[in-house]
Amino acid sequence: MIVVNLDVELAKKKMRAGELAKRIGITPANLSILKTGKAKAIRFSTLEAICRELDCQPGDILEFRPD
């Protein structure tokens, strides 16, 4: 299963989810879907924007855990 660790990265940067959503140009609702792991997919452009704003790598946000 893929686990989304976006909350961890947001906390490290002391940034609120709403601020990140605004900076990367998506709705807070869509960012919430991603944060809770309910998203079925993520665009590379969105992942790139998140990494740019949080100064992190994709692997810092997405983690694979065997079932």
N, C-alpha and C. Protein backbone atom coordinates (compact mmCIF):
# COMPACT_ATOMS: atom_id res chain seq x y z
N MET A 1 0.84 -1.17 0.00
CA MET A 1 0.00 0.00 0.00
C MET A 1 0.89 1.24 0.00
N ILE A 2 0.41 2.29 -0.61
CA ILE A 2 1.13 3.56 -0.65
C ILE A 2 0.60 4.45 0.46
N VAL A 3 1.50 4.97 1.28
CA VAL A 3 1.14 5.86 2.39
C VAL A 3 1.62 7.26 2.03
N VAL A 4 0.77 8.25 2.27
CA VAL A 4 1.10 9.64 1.98
C VAL A 4 1.51 10.31 3.29
N ASN A 5 2.75 10.78 3.33
CA ASN A 5 3.30 11.42 4.52
C ASN A 5 3.36 12.94 4.38
N LEU A 6 2.36 13.50 3.76
CA LEU A 6 2.35 14.95 3.51
C LEU A 6 2.26 15.74 4.81
N ASP A 7 1.51 15.25 5.79
CA ASP A 7 1.40 15.94 7.07
C ASP A 7 2.77 16.10 7.74
N VAL A 8 3.59 15.07 7.62
CA VAL A 8 4.92 15.11 8.23
C VAL A 8 5.76 16.23 7.60
N GLU A 9 5.74 16.30 6.28
CA GLU A 9 6.52 17.32 5.58
C GLU A 9 5.97 18.72 5.85
N LEU A 10 4.66 18.85 5.92
CA LEU A 10 4.06 20.15 6.26
C LEU A 10 4.50 20.59 7.65
N ALA A 11 4.50 19.68 8.59
CA ALA A 11 4.91 20.00 9.96
C ALA A 11 6.37 20.42 10.01
N LYS A 12 7.23 19.72 9.27
CA LYS A 12 8.65 20.07 9.24
C LYS A 12 8.86 21.49 8.75
N LYS A 13 8.05 21.91 7.79
CA LYS A 13 8.20 23.25 7.21
C LYS A 13 7.32 24.29 7.90
N LYS A 14 6.56 23.83 8.92
CA LYS A 14 5.65 24.70 9.66
C LYS A 14 4.70 25.44 8.71
N MET A 15 4.13 24.68 7.78
CA MET A 15 3.22 25.24 6.79
C MET A 15 1.86 24.57 6.93
N ARG A 16 0.83 25.35 6.79
CA ARG A 16 -0.53 24.82 6.82
C ARG A 16 -0.90 24.28 5.44
N ALA A 17 -1.80 23.31 5.44
CA ALA A 17 -2.23 22.69 4.18
C ALA A 17 -2.87 23.72 3.25
N GLY A 18 -3.65 24.63 3.81
CA GLY A 18 -4.29 25.66 2.99
C GLY A 18 -3.28 26.53 2.26
N GLU A 19 -2.19 26.86 2.94
CA GLU A 19 -1.14 27.67 2.32
C GLU A 19 -0.46 26.90 1.19
N LEU A 20 -0.19 25.61 1.42
CA LEU A 20 0.42 24.80 0.37
C LEU A 20 -0.51 24.70 -0.83
N ALA A 21 -1.78 24.46 -0.58
CA ALA A 21 -2.75 24.36 -1.68
C ALA A 21 -2.75 25.63 -2.52
N LYS A 22 -2.74 26.77 -1.85
CA LYS A 22 -2.71 28.06 -2.55
C LYS A 22 -1.44 28.22 -3.39
N ARG A 23 -0.32 27.86 -2.80
CA ARG A 23 0.97 28.01 -3.49
C ARG A 23 1.09 27.11 -4.73
N ILE A 24 0.49 25.91 -4.67
CA ILE A 24 0.65 24.99 -5.80
C ILE A 24 -0.54 25.02 -6.75
N GLY A 25 -1.57 25.78 -6.40
CA GLY A 25 -2.68 25.98 -7.32
C GLY A 25 -3.70 24.86 -7.37
N ILE A 26 -3.94 24.20 -6.24
CA ILE A 26 -5.03 23.21 -6.18
C ILE A 26 -5.97 23.61 -5.04
N THR A 27 -7.14 23.03 -5.03
CA THR A 27 -8.10 23.37 -3.98
C THR A 27 -7.70 22.71 -2.67
N PRO A 28 -8.04 23.34 -1.55
CA PRO A 28 -7.77 22.70 -0.26
C PRO A 28 -8.45 21.32 -0.16
N ALA A 29 -9.63 21.18 -0.78
CA ALA A 29 -10.32 19.88 -0.75
C ALA A 29 -9.51 18.81 -1.46
N ASN A 30 -8.94 19.14 -2.62
CA ASN A 30 -8.13 18.15 -3.34
C ASN A 30 -6.85 17.81 -2.57
N LEU A 31 -6.26 18.80 -1.92
CA LEU A 31 -5.07 18.52 -1.12
C LEU A 31 -5.43 17.63 0.06
N SER A 32 -6.60 17.86 0.65
CA SER A 32 -7.06 17.02 1.75
C SER A 32 -7.24 15.57 1.33
N ILE A 33 -7.79 15.37 0.14
CA ILE A 33 -7.96 14.01 -0.40
C ILE A 33 -6.59 13.33 -0.54
N LEU A 34 -5.61 14.08 -0.99
CA LEU A 34 -4.26 13.54 -1.12
C LEU A 34 -3.67 13.24 0.26
N LYS A 35 -3.80 14.17 1.19
CA LYS A 35 -3.24 14.01 2.53
C LYS A 35 -3.80 12.79 3.26
N THR A 36 -5.07 12.52 3.08
CA THR A 36 -5.70 11.41 3.79
C THR A 36 -5.48 10.07 3.12
N GLY A 37 -4.81 10.07 1.97
CA GLY A 37 -4.53 8.82 1.28
C GLY A 37 -5.71 8.30 0.47
N LYS A 38 -6.73 9.12 0.28
CA LYS A 38 -7.91 8.68 -0.47
C LYS A 38 -7.79 8.90 -1.97
N ALA A 39 -6.73 9.59 -2.39
CA ALA A 39 -6.53 9.85 -3.81
C ALA A 39 -6.14 8.56 -4.52
N LYS A 40 -6.65 8.38 -5.73
CA LYS A 40 -6.32 7.20 -6.54
C LYS A 40 -5.08 7.45 -7.40
N ALA A 41 -4.76 8.72 -7.60
CA ALA A 41 -3.62 9.08 -8.45
C ALA A 41 -3.14 10.48 -8.07
N ILE A 42 -1.93 10.80 -8.50
CA ILE A 42 -1.40 12.15 -8.35
C ILE A 42 -0.64 12.49 -9.62
N ARG A 43 -0.87 13.66 -10.12
CA ARG A 43 -0.13 14.09 -11.32
C ARG A 43 1.30 14.42 -10.94
N PHE A 44 2.21 14.10 -11.86
CA PHE A 44 3.61 14.44 -11.61
C PHE A 44 3.78 15.94 -11.42
N SER A 45 3.01 16.74 -12.15
CA SER A 45 3.13 18.19 -12.01
C SER A 45 2.73 18.64 -10.60
N THR A 46 1.73 17.98 -10.01
CA THR A 46 1.32 18.31 -8.65
C THR A 46 2.39 17.85 -7.66
N LEU A 47 2.91 16.66 -7.85
CA LEU A 47 3.97 16.14 -6.98
C LEU A 47 5.20 17.03 -7.06
N GLU A 48 5.54 17.46 -8.26
CA GLU A 48 6.67 18.35 -8.45
C GLU A 48 6.46 19.67 -7.71
N ALA A 49 5.27 20.23 -7.81
CA ALA A 49 4.97 21.50 -7.14
C ALA A 49 5.04 21.35 -5.62
N ILE A 50 4.53 20.25 -5.11
CA ILE A 50 4.60 20.00 -3.66
C ILE A 50 6.05 19.90 -3.22
N CYS A 51 6.84 19.14 -3.94
CA CYS A 51 8.26 18.99 -3.59
C CYS A 51 9.01 20.31 -3.67
N ARG A 52 8.68 21.11 -4.66
CA ARG A 52 9.32 22.42 -4.81
C ARG A 52 8.99 23.30 -3.60
N GLU A 53 7.73 23.37 -3.23
CA GLU A 53 7.31 24.24 -2.13
C GLU A 53 7.79 23.75 -0.77
N LEU A 54 7.86 22.44 -0.59
CA LEU A 54 8.28 21.88 0.70
C LEU A 54 9.77 21.54 0.73
N ASP A 55 10.46 21.76 -0.40
CA ASP A 55 11.89 21.47 -0.50
C ASP A 55 12.18 20.04 -0.04
N CYS A 56 11.51 19.09 -0.68
CA CYS A 56 11.67 17.69 -0.32
C CYS A 56 11.69 16.83 -1.59
N GLN A 57 11.86 15.54 -1.41
CA GLN A 57 11.87 14.58 -2.50
C GLN A 57 10.54 13.82 -2.52
N PRO A 58 10.14 13.28 -3.68
CA PRO A 58 8.89 12.50 -3.74
C PRO A 58 8.85 11.37 -2.70
N GLY A 59 9.98 10.76 -2.43
CA GLY A 59 10.04 9.68 -1.45
C GLY A 59 9.80 10.15 -0.02
N ASP A 60 9.92 11.45 0.21
CA ASP A 60 9.61 11.99 1.54
C ASP A 60 8.10 12.05 1.74
N ILE A 61 7.36 12.11 0.65
CA ILE A 61 5.91 12.25 0.71
C ILE A 61 5.21 10.90 0.52
N LEU A 62 5.71 10.10 -0.41
CA LEU A 62 5.08 8.81 -0.73
C LEU A 62 5.94 7.66 -0.22
N GLU A 63 5.30 6.72 0.46
CA GLU A 63 6.01 5.58 1.04
C GLU A 63 5.26 4.30 0.69
N PHE A 64 6.00 3.26 0.32
CA PHE A 64 5.40 1.95 0.05
C PHE A 64 5.52 1.10 1.30
N ARG A 65 4.38 0.52 1.71
CA ARG A 65 4.39 -0.43 2.82
C ARG A 65 3.71 -1.72 2.34
N PRO A 66 4.40 -2.84 2.44
CA PRO A 66 3.77 -4.10 2.04
C PRO A 66 2.51 -4.35 2.89
N ASP A 67 1.53 -4.98 2.29
CA ASP A 67 0.27 -5.26 3.01
C ASP A 67 0.46 -6.19 4.18
